């Protein structure tokens, strides 16, 4: 009899432990996650973003994901994007949280009970963001308006919602990106130093060609072949594959920059 009672009590304890874990512990984690998710101005997972559109007065930038973690600009020009910069931008955008709701009934014309979007700089927003994801047919949009007179915040509006909300001031600054900031700046983005097998230095007369013959061994061409230090060539190659552009100049004839016969 006592053995049977012990088994029953053990079963009750196991059931209580399971309830505590799945309902209280896991449930609380889920509720906290949903609460945190609800506080964010936009709800998305950065790895599921397929397209990002950012519009500013006079310019619109469109970014598309291709591959696992690669990006390209498709407007206003077509070129490879800087995956690190774009990834950081998505992380920042996904973590911006709503600080307060100003009004739940705003429109372009206002009205007796509604507020006019013009009061908040949202009739012509300074920044408009649209995020498309693989798990949704509709993009999530965010409009950024004027800064608040005091408090260090900015007015914002989400998609078709009529509510005007307050976001931290950094939200606007973190979303102000130029094409130059978002495009790939590495000159040789697909190259690794150890993969370079041949290097030609055309500023020599005649040009000097170097061929890799080992991990850090290089053989110069020419007859007679000049003496070289393999470690210095390896250092040069390492610097070359890490070169990044500081800025991109307008497309003008190469002669304007002295690049027809580069030095």
C-alpha atoms as a PDB file:
ATOM      1  CA  UNK A   1       0.000   0.000   0.000  1.00  0.00           C
ATOM      2  CA  UNK A   2       2.778   2.359   0.951  1.00  0.00           C
ATOM      3  CA  UNK A   3       4.623   1.478  -2.262  1.00  0.00           C
ATOM      4  CA  UNK A   4       1.555   2.366  -4.313  1.00  0.00           C
ATOM      5  CA  UNK A   5       1.141   5.659  -2.423  1.00  0.00           C
ATOM      6  CA  UNK A   6       4.785   6.494  -3.026  1.00  0.00           C
ATOM      7  CA  UNK A   7       4.369   5.927  -6.771  1.00  0.00           C
ATOM      8  CA  UNK A   8       1.324   8.188  -6.844  1.00  0.00           C
ATOM      9  CA  UNK A   9       3.151  10.960  -4.990  1.00  0.00           C
ATOM     10  CA  UNK A  10       6.146  10.587  -7.309  1.00  0.00           C
ATOM     11  CA  UNK A  11       3.841  10.905 -10.309  1.00  0.00           C
ATOM     12  CA  UNK A  12       2.264  14.041  -8.864  1.00  0.00           C
ATOM     13  CA  UNK A  13       5.691  15.570  -8.235  1.00  0.00           C
ATOM     14  CA  UNK A  14       6.805  14.791 -11.797  1.00  0.00           C
ATOM     15  CA  UNK A  15       3.620  16.337 -13.180  1.00  0.00           C
ATOM     16  CA  UNK A  16       4.128  19.475 -11.054  1.00  0.00           C
ATOM     17  CA  UNK A  17       7.754  19.741 -12.167  1.00  0.00           C
ATOM     18  CA  UNK A  18       6.728  19.387 -15.808  1.00  0.00           C
ATOM     19  CA  UNK A  19       4.003  22.006 -15.381  1.00  0.00           C
ATOM     20  CA  UNK A  20       6.428  24.413 -13.703  1.00  0.00           C
ATOM     21  CA  UNK A  21       8.987  23.990 -16.469  1.00  0.00           C
ATOM     22  CA  UNK A  22       6.757  24.148 -19.523  1.00  0.00           C
ATOM     23  CA  UNK A  23       4.130  26.600 -18.295  1.00  0.00           C
ATOM     24  CA  UNK A  24       5.977  28.827 -15.881  1.00  0.00           C
ATOM     25  CA  UNK A  25       9.609  28.787 -17.098  1.00  0.00           C
ATOM     26  CA  UNK A  26       9.210  28.241 -20.849  1.00  0.00           C
ATOM     27  CA  UNK A  27       5.935  30.137 -20.884  1.00  0.00           C
ATOM     28  CA  UNK A  28       7.504  33.123 -19.149  1.00  0.00           C
ATOM     29  CA  UNK A  29      10.377  33.087 -21.641  1.00  0.00           C
ATOM     30  CA  UNK A  30       7.859  33.070 -24.482  1.00  0.00           C
ATOM     31  CA  UNK A  31       5.824  35.887 -22.957  1.00  0.00           C
ATOM     32  CA  UNK A  32       8.939  37.974 -22.368  1.00  0.00           C
ATOM     33  CA  UNK A  33      10.037  37.341 -25.936  1.00  0.00           C
ATOM     34  CA  UNK A  34       6.638  38.384 -27.293  1.00  0.00           C
ATOM     35  CA  UNK A  35       6.664  41.470 -25.078  1.00  0.00           C
ATOM     36  CA  UNK A  36      10.101  42.422 -26.331  1.00  0.00           C
ATOM     37  CA  UNK A  37       9.013  41.705 -29.910  1.00  0.00           C
ATOM     38  CA  UNK A  38       5.949  43.892 -29.477  1.00  0.00           C
ATOM     39  CA  UNK A  39       8.038  46.790 -28.197  1.00  0.00           C
ATOM     40  CA  UNK A  40      10.164  46.863 -31.321  1.00  0.00           C
ATOM     41  CA  UNK A  41       9.085  49.297 -33.993  1.00  0.00           C
ATOM     42  CA  UNK A  42       9.451  46.586 -36.670  1.00  0.00           C
ATOM     43  CA  UNK A  43       9.324  42.863 -36.066  1.00  0.00           C
ATOM     44  CA  UNK A  44      11.571  40.783 -38.327  1.00  0.00           C
ATOM     45  CA  UNK A  45      14.534  38.436 -38.251  1.00  0.00           C
ATOM     46  CA  UNK A  46      17.552  39.968 -40.060  1.00  0.00           C
ATOM     47  CA  UNK A  47      18.486  36.655 -41.696  1.00  0.00           C
ATOM     48  CA  UNK A  48      15.046  36.485 -43.344  1.00  0.00           C
ATOM     49  CA  UNK A  49      15.231  39.934 -44.956  1.00  0.00           C
ATOM     50  CA  UNK A  50      15.271  39.649 -48.751  1.00  0.00           C
ATOM     51  CA  UNK A  51      15.017  43.312 -49.727  1.00  0.00           C
ATOM     52  CA  UNK A  52      15.531  46.666 -48.050  1.00  0.00           C
ATOM     53  CA  UNK A  53      14.313  49.942 -49.552  1.00  0.00           C
ATOM     54  CA  UNK A  54      15.445  53.244 -48.062  1.00  0.00           C
ATOM     55  CA  UNK A  55      14.005  56.466 -49.443  1.00  0.00           C
ATOM     56  CA  UNK A  56      15.227  59.977 -48.749  1.00  0.00           C
ATOM     57  CA  UNK A  57      14.203  63.300 -50.300  1.00  0.00           C
ATOM     58  CA  UNK A  58      15.546  63.085 -53.849  1.00  0.00           C
ATOM     59  CA  UNK A  59      17.023  59.587 -53.596  1.00  0.00           C
ATOM     60  CA  UNK A  60      15.934  55.980 -53.169  1.00  0.00           C
ATOM     61  CA  UNK A  61      18.267  53.090 -52.379  1.00  0.00           C
ATOM     62  CA  UNK A  62      17.255  49.478 -52.978  1.00  0.00           C
ATOM     63  CA  UNK A  63      19.230  46.549 -51.569  1.00  0.00           C
ATOM     64  CA  UNK A  64      18.633  42.893 -52.421  1.00  0.00           C
ATOM     65  CA  UNK A  65      20.020  39.806 -50.740  1.00  0.00           C
ATOM     66  CA  UNK A  66      21.577  37.091 -52.876  1.00  0.00           C
ATOM     67  CA  UNK A  67      23.240  34.006 -51.530  1.00  0.00           C
ATOM     68  CA  UNK A  68      23.403  33.350 -47.820  1.00  0.00           C
ATOM     69  CA  UNK A  69      24.837  36.642 -46.650  1.00  0.00           C
ATOM     70  CA  UNK A  70      25.593  38.753 -49.696  1.00  0.00           C
ATOM     71  CA  UNK A  71      23.921  41.940 -50.831  1.00  0.00           C
ATOM     72  CA  UNK A  72      23.769  44.069 -53.943  1.00  0.00           C
ATOM     73  CA  UNK A  73      22.443  47.521 -54.694  1.00  0.00           C
ATOM     74  CA  UNK A  74      19.903  47.594 -57.513  1.00  0.00           C
ATOM     75  CA  UNK A  75      19.081  51.315 -57.323  1.00  0.00           C
ATOM     76  CA  UNK A  76      20.222  54.028 -57.957  1.00  0.00           C
ATOM     77  CA  UNK A  77      23.051  51.899 -59.398  1.00  0.00           C
ATOM     78  CA  UNK A  78      23.787  48.186 -59.675  1.00  0.00           C
ATOM     79  CA  UNK A  79      26.810  47.067 -57.682  1.00  0.00           C
ATOM     80  CA  UNK A  80      27.804  44.802 -54.846  1.00  0.00           C
ATOM     81  CA  UNK A  81      26.813  45.864 -51.349  1.00  0.00           C
ATOM     82  CA  UNK A  82      28.892  45.901 -48.177  1.00  0.00           C
ATOM     83  CA  UNK A  83      27.496  42.898 -46.301  1.00  0.00           C
ATOM     84  CA  UNK A  84      28.987  43.936 -42.953  1.00  0.00           C
ATOM     85  CA  UNK A  85      27.507  47.445 -43.113  1.00  0.00           C
ATOM     86  CA  UNK A  86      24.111  46.193 -44.316  1.00  0.00           C
ATOM     87  CA  UNK A  87      24.030  43.452 -41.689  1.00  0.00           C
ATOM     88  CA  UNK A  88      24.741  46.015 -38.984  1.00  0.00           C
ATOM     89  CA  UNK A  89      22.022  48.277 -40.370  1.00  0.00           C
ATOM     90  CA  UNK A  90      19.439  45.477 -40.210  1.00  0.00           C
ATOM     91  CA  UNK A  91      20.440  44.598 -36.653  1.00  0.00           C
ATOM     92  CA  UNK A  92      20.084  48.217 -35.570  1.00  0.00           C
ATOM     93  CA  UNK A  93      16.746  48.608 -37.362  1.00  0.00           C
ATOM     94  CA  UNK A  94      15.415  45.427 -35.796  1.00  0.00           C
ATOM     95  CA  UNK A  95      16.347  46.588 -32.289  1.00  0.00           C
ATOM     96  CA  UNK A  96      14.778  50.073 -32.387  1.00  0.00           C
ATOM     97  CA  UNK A  97      12.028  50.195 -29.788  1.00  0.00           C
ATOM     98  CA  UNK A  98       8.932  52.352 -29.500  1.00  0.00           C
ATOM     99  CA  UNK A  99       9.213  54.764 -26.591  1.00  0.00           C
ATOM    100  CA  UNK A 100       5.695  56.164 -26.607  1.00  0.00           C
ATOM    101  CA  UNK A 101       2.537  56.517 -28.700  1.00  0.00           C
ATOM    102  CA  UNK A 102       1.613  60.153 -29.332  1.00  0.00           C
ATOM    103  CA  UNK A 103      -1.725  59.677 -31.076  1.00  0.00           C
ATOM    104  CA  UNK A 104      -3.609  56.710 -32.461  1.00  0.00           C
ATOM    105  CA  UNK A 105      -5.551  58.663 -35.061  1.00  0.00           C
ATOM    106  CA  UNK A 106      -3.393  60.704 -37.428  1.00  0.00           C
ATOM    107  CA  UNK A 107      -3.915  61.305 -41.134  1.00  0.00           C
ATOM    108  CA  UNK A 108      -2.678  63.514 -43.953  1.00  0.00           C
ATOM    109  CA  UNK A 109      -5.664  65.879 -43.574  1.00  0.00           C
ATOM    110  CA  UNK A 110      -6.211  65.615 -39.832  1.00  0.00           C
ATOM    111  CA  UNK A 111      -9.709  66.298 -38.615  1.00  0.00           C
ATOM    112  CA  UNK A 112     -11.713  67.054 -35.519  1.00  0.00           C
ATOM    113  CA  UNK A 113     -10.521  63.961 -33.682  1.00  0.00           C
ATOM    114  CA  UNK A 114      -7.376  63.183 -35.636  1.00  0.00           C
ATOM    115  CA  UNK A 115      -3.956  64.788 -35.805  1.00  0.00           C
ATOM    116  CA  UNK A 116      -2.372  66.066 -38.986  1.00  0.00           C
ATOM    117  CA  UNK A 117       0.744  64.144 -40.069  1.00  0.00           C
ATOM    118  CA  UNK A 118       2.238  67.459 -41.129  1.00  0.00           C
ATOM    119  CA  UNK A 119       2.557  68.435 -37.464  1.00  0.00           C
ATOM    120  CA  UNK A 120       5.098  65.652 -37.043  1.00  0.00           C
ATOM    121  CA  UNK A 121       6.923  65.954 -40.362  1.00  0.00           C
ATOM    122  CA  UNK A 122       5.361  62.694 -41.520  1.00  0.00           C
ATOM    123  CA  UNK A 123       3.503  64.048 -44.559  1.00  0.00           C
ATOM    124  CA  UNK A 124       6.899  64.217 -46.277  1.00  0.00           C
ATOM    125  CA  UNK A 125       9.116  61.978 -44.128  1.00  0.00           C
ATOM    126  CA  UNK A 126      12.859  62.478 -44.101  1.00  0.00           C
ATOM    127  CA  UNK A 127      13.374  58.698 -44.196  1.00  0.00           C
ATOM    128  CA  UNK A 128      11.122  55.910 -45.426  1.00  0.00           C
ATOM    129  CA  UNK A 129      12.140  52.282 -44.896  1.00  0.00           C
ATOM    130  CA  UNK A 130      10.506  49.155 -46.330  1.00  0.00           C
ATOM    131  CA  UNK A 131      11.656  45.709 -45.189  1.00  0.00           C
ATOM    132  CA  UNK A 132      10.663  42.616 -47.185  1.00  0.00           C
ATOM    133  CA  UNK A 133      11.153  39.168 -45.670  1.00  0.00           C
ATOM    134  CA  UNK A 134      10.928  35.590 -46.885  1.00  0.00           C
ATOM    135  CA  UNK A 135       8.157  34.762 -44.413  1.00  0.00           C
ATOM    136  CA  UNK A 136       5.750  37.568 -45.359  1.00  0.00           C
ATOM    137  CA  UNK A 137       4.044  38.746 -48.538  1.00  0.00           C
ATOM    138  CA  UNK A 138       3.847  42.356 -47.365  1.00  0.00           C
ATOM    139  CA  UNK A 139       6.819  44.569 -46.500  1.00  0.00           C
ATOM    140  CA  UNK A 140       7.003  46.329 -43.159  1.00  0.00           C
ATOM    141  CA  UNK A 141       7.372  50.077 -43.536  1.00  0.00           C
ATOM    142  CA  UNK A 142       8.598  52.818 -41.262  1.00  0.00           C
ATOM    143  CA  UNK A 143       8.425  56.581 -41.764  1.00  0.00           C
ATOM    144  CA  UNK A 144      10.718  58.942 -39.847  1.00  0.00           C
ATOM    145  CA  UNK A 145       9.564  62.518 -39.335  1.00  0.00           C
ATOM    146  CA  UNK A 146      10.768  65.542 -37.383  1.00  0.00           C
ATOM    147  CA  UNK A 147      12.708  65.491 -34.127  1.00  0.00           C
ATOM    148  CA  UNK A 148      10.741  66.397 -31.014  1.00  0.00           C
ATOM    149  CA  UNK A 149      11.217  69.924 -29.628  1.00  0.00           C
ATOM    150  CA  UNK A 150      12.572  68.439 -26.398  1.00  0.00           C
ATOM    151  CA  UNK A 151      13.449  64.993 -25.149  1.00  0.00           C
ATOM    152  CA  UNK A 152      15.812  63.836 -27.880  1.00  0.00           C
ATOM    153  CA  UNK A 153      13.315  61.745 -29.832  1.00  0.00           C
ATOM    154  CA  UNK A 154      11.839  61.595 -33.330  1.00  0.00           C
ATOM    155  CA  UNK A 155       8.279  61.190 -34.569  1.00  0.00           C
ATOM    156  CA  UNK A 156       7.583  58.061 -36.608  1.00  0.00           C
ATOM    157  CA  UNK A 157       4.772  56.088 -38.197  1.00  0.00           C
ATOM    158  CA  UNK A 158       4.495  52.423 -39.147  1.00  0.00           C
ATOM    159  CA  UNK A 159       2.992  51.406 -42.472  1.00  0.00           C
ATOM    160  CA  UNK A 160      -0.735  51.960 -42.801  1.00  0.00           C
ATOM    161  CA  UNK A 161      -1.260  52.425 -39.076  1.00  0.00           C
ATOM    162  CA  UNK A 162      -2.684  55.771 -38.061  1.00  0.00           C
ATOM    163  CA  UNK A 163      -0.728  56.018 -34.827  1.00  0.00           C
ATOM    164  CA  UNK A 164       2.208  58.387 -34.427  1.00  0.00           C
ATOM    165  CA  UNK A 165       4.949  57.059 -32.184  1.00  0.00           C
ATOM    166  CA  UNK A 166       8.162  58.294 -30.604  1.00  0.00           C
ATOM    167  CA  UNK A 167      11.506  56.649 -31.307  1.00  0.00           C
ATOM    168  CA  UNK A 168      14.913  57.387 -29.774  1.00  0.00           C
ATOM    169  CA  UNK A 169      16.852  60.063 -31.641  1.00  0.00           C
ATOM    170  CA  UNK A 170      19.565  57.622 -32.724  1.00  0.00           C
ATOM    171  CA  UNK A 171      16.987  55.855 -34.919  1.00  0.00           C
ATOM    172  CA  UNK A 172      17.130  58.638 -37.494  1.00  0.00           C
ATOM    173  CA  UNK A 173      20.915  58.908 -37.509  1.00  0.00           C
ATOM    174  CA  UNK A 174      21.415  55.163 -37.817  1.00  0.00           C
ATOM    175  CA  UNK A 175      19.119  55.005 -40.866  1.00  0.00           C
ATOM    176  CA  UNK A 176      20.736  57.891 -42.738  1.00  0.00           C
ATOM    177  CA  UNK A 177      22.901  55.977 -45.195  1.00  0.00           C
ATOM    178  CA  UNK A 178      24.437  56.966 -48.513  1.00  0.00           C
ATOM    179  CA  UNK A 179      25.123  54.809 -51.539  1.00  0.00           C
ATOM    180  CA  UNK A 180      28.847  55.145 -50.825  1.00  0.00           C
ATOM    181  CA  UNK A 181      28.353  53.800 -47.316  1.00  0.00           C
ATOM    182  CA  UNK A 182      26.302  50.795 -48.414  1.00  0.00           C
ATOM    183  CA  UNK A 183      28.277  49.667 -51.472  1.00  0.00           C
ATOM    184  CA  UNK A 184      31.216  47.290 -51.358  1.00  0.00           C
ATOM    185  CA  UNK A 185      34.460  49.214 -50.810  1.00  0.00           C
ATOM    186  CA  UNK A 186      36.967  46.387 -50.992  1.00  0.00           C
ATOM    187  CA  UNK A 187      38.839  46.538 -54.308  1.00  0.00           C
ATOM    188  CA  UNK A 188      39.313  42.763 -54.431  1.00  0.00           C
ATOM    189  CA  UNK A 189      36.377  41.378 -52.425  1.00  0.00           C
ATOM    190  CA  UNK A 190      36.704  37.809 -53.711  1.00  0.00           C
ATOM    191  CA  UNK A 191      40.461  37.489 -53.209  1.00  0.00           C
ATOM    192  CA  UNK A 192      42.476  36.006 -50.366  1.00  0.00           C
ATOM    193  CA  UNK A 193      46.227  36.523 -50.083  1.00  0.00           C
ATOM    194  CA  UNK A 194      46.926  32.782 -50.105  1.00  0.00           C
ATOM    195  CA  UNK A 195      44.921  32.349 -53.339  1.00  0.00           C
ATOM    196  CA  UNK A 196      46.993  34.862 -55.358  1.00  0.00           C
ATOM    197  CA  UNK A 197      49.260  32.886 -57.684  1.00  0.00           C
ATOM    198  CA  UNK A 198      50.646  35.604 -59.947  1.00  0.00           C
ATOM    199  CA  UNK A 199      51.357  39.307 -59.541  1.00  0.00           C
ATOM    200  CA  UNK A 200      52.452  41.717 -62.275  1.00  0.00           C
ATOM    201  CA  UNK A 201      53.957  45.089 -61.338  1.00  0.00           C
ATOM    202  CA  UNK A 202      53.473  47.228 -64.436  1.00  0.00           C
ATOM    203  CA  UNK A 203      55.226  50.328 -63.134  1.00  0.00           C
ATOM    204  CA  UNK A 204      58.542  48.553 -63.748  1.00  0.00           C
ATOM    205  CA  UNK A 205      60.095  48.813 -67.194  1.00  0.00           C
ATOM    206  CA  UNK A 206      59.730  46.156 -68.394  1.00  0.00           C
ATOM    207  CA  UNK A 207      56.816  44.985 -66.192  1.00  0.00           C
ATOM    208  CA  UNK A 208      57.827  42.512 -63.484  1.00  0.00           C
ATOM    209  CA  UNK A 209      55.815  39.301 -63.127  1.00  0.00           C
ATOM    210  CA  UNK A 210      56.050  37.270 -59.931  1.00  0.00           C
ATOM    211  CA  UNK A 211      54.784  33.701 -59.635  1.00  0.00           C
ATOM    212  CA  UNK A 212      54.034  31.924 -56.356  1.00  0.00           C
ATOM    213  CA  UNK A 213      56.081  28.765 -55.852  1.00  0.00           C
ATOM    214  CA  UNK A 214      55.313  27.962 -52.239  1.00  0.00           C
ATOM    215  CA  UNK A 215      53.489  29.254 -49.207  1.00  0.00           C
ATOM    216  CA  UNK A 216      55.671  32.372 -49.062  1.00  0.00           C
ATOM    217  CA  UNK A 217      58.015  31.823 -51.971  1.00  0.00           C
ATOM    218  CA  UNK A 218      57.841  33.896 -55.152  1.00  0.00           C
ATOM    219  CA  UNK A 219      59.773  33.535 -58.405  1.00  0.00           C
ATOM    220  CA  UNK A 220      60.408  36.644 -60.520  1.00  0.00           C
ATOM    221  CA  UNK A 221      60.310  36.545 -64.304  1.00  0.00           C
ATOM    222  CA  UNK A 222      62.836  38.140 -66.609  1.00  0.00           C
ATOM    223  CA  UNK A 223      66.354  37.284 -67.753  1.00  0.00           C
ATOM    224  CA  UNK A 224      68.310  37.869 -65.676  1.00  0.00           C
ATOM    225  CA  UNK A 225      65.737  37.529 -62.874  1.00  0.00           C
ATOM    226  CA  UNK A 226      66.063  40.187 -60.143  1.00  0.00           C
ATOM    227  CA  UNK A 227      66.598  39.198 -56.538  1.00  0.00           C
ATOM    228  CA  UNK A 228      63.516  39.540 -54.350  1.00  0.00           C
ATOM    229  CA  UNK A 229      62.496  38.824 -50.770  1.00  0.00           C
ATOM    230  CA  UNK A 230      59.490  36.517 -50.659  1.00  0.00           C
ATOM    231  CA  UNK A 231      58.289  37.927 -47.319  1.00  0.00           C
ATOM    232  CA  UNK A 232      58.047  41.439 -48.787  1.00  0.00           C
ATOM    233  CA  UNK A 233      56.055  40.222 -51.784  1.00  0.00           C
ATOM    234  CA  UNK A 234      53.738  38.312 -49.454  1.00  0.00           C
ATOM    235  CA  UNK A 235      53.247  41.471 -47.382  1.00  0.00           C
ATOM    236  CA  UNK A 236      52.471  43.445 -50.552  1.00  0.00           C
ATOM    237  CA  UNK A 237      49.863  40.872 -51.636  1.00  0.00           C
ATOM    238  CA  UNK A 238      48.257  40.930 -48.180  1.00  0.00           C
ATOM    239  CA  UNK A 239      47.937  44.720 -48.335  1.00  0.00           C
ATOM    240  CA  UNK A 240      46.514  44.629 -51.857  1.00  0.00           C
ATOM    241  CA  UNK A 241      43.658  42.243 -51.058  1.00  0.00           C
ATOM    242  CA  UNK A 242      42.685  44.400 -48.070  1.00  0.00           C
ATOM    243  CA  UNK A 243      42.581  47.686 -49.989  1.00  0.00           C
ATOM    244  CA  UNK A 244      39.352  49.624 -49.521  1.00  0.00           C
ATOM    245  CA  UNK A 245      38.056  52.708 -51.273  1.00  0.00           C
ATOM    246  CA  UNK A 246      37.457  55.804 -49.151  1.00  0.00           C
ATOM    247  CA  UNK A 247      34.971  57.264 -51.616  1.00  0.00           C
ATOM    248  CA  UNK A 248      33.685  56.928 -55.180  1.00  0.00           C
ATOM    249  CA  UNK A 249      34.167  59.818 -57.577  1.00  0.00           C
ATOM    250  CA  UNK A 250      31.831  60.792 -60.421  1.00  0.00           C
ATOM    251  CA  UNK A 251      32.267  58.963 -63.711  1.00  0.00           C
ATOM    252  CA  UNK A 252      34.500  61.294 -65.691  1.00  0.00           C
ATOM    253  CA  UNK A 253      36.979  60.493 -68.466  1.00  0.00           C
ATOM    254  CA  UNK A 254      39.941  58.640 -66.971  1.00  0.00           C
ATOM    255  CA  UNK A 255      42.248  61.308 -68.345  1.00  0.00           C
ATOM    256  CA  UNK A 256      40.736  63.772 -65.869  1.00  0.00           C
ATOM    257  CA  UNK A 257      42.228  61.723 -63.038  1.00  0.00           C
ATOM    258  CA  UNK A 258      45.472  60.874 -64.828  1.00  0.00           C
ATOM    259  CA  UNK A 259      44.544  57.205 -65.205  1.00  0.00           C
ATOM    260  CA  UNK A 260      45.124  56.750 -68.931  1.00  0.00           C
ATOM    261  CA  UNK A 261      48.801  56.207 -68.218  1.00  0.00           C
ATOM    262  CA  UNK A 262      48.831  55.462 -64.484  1.00  0.00           C
ATOM    263  CA  UNK A 263      52.066  55.910 -62.581  1.00  0.00           C
END
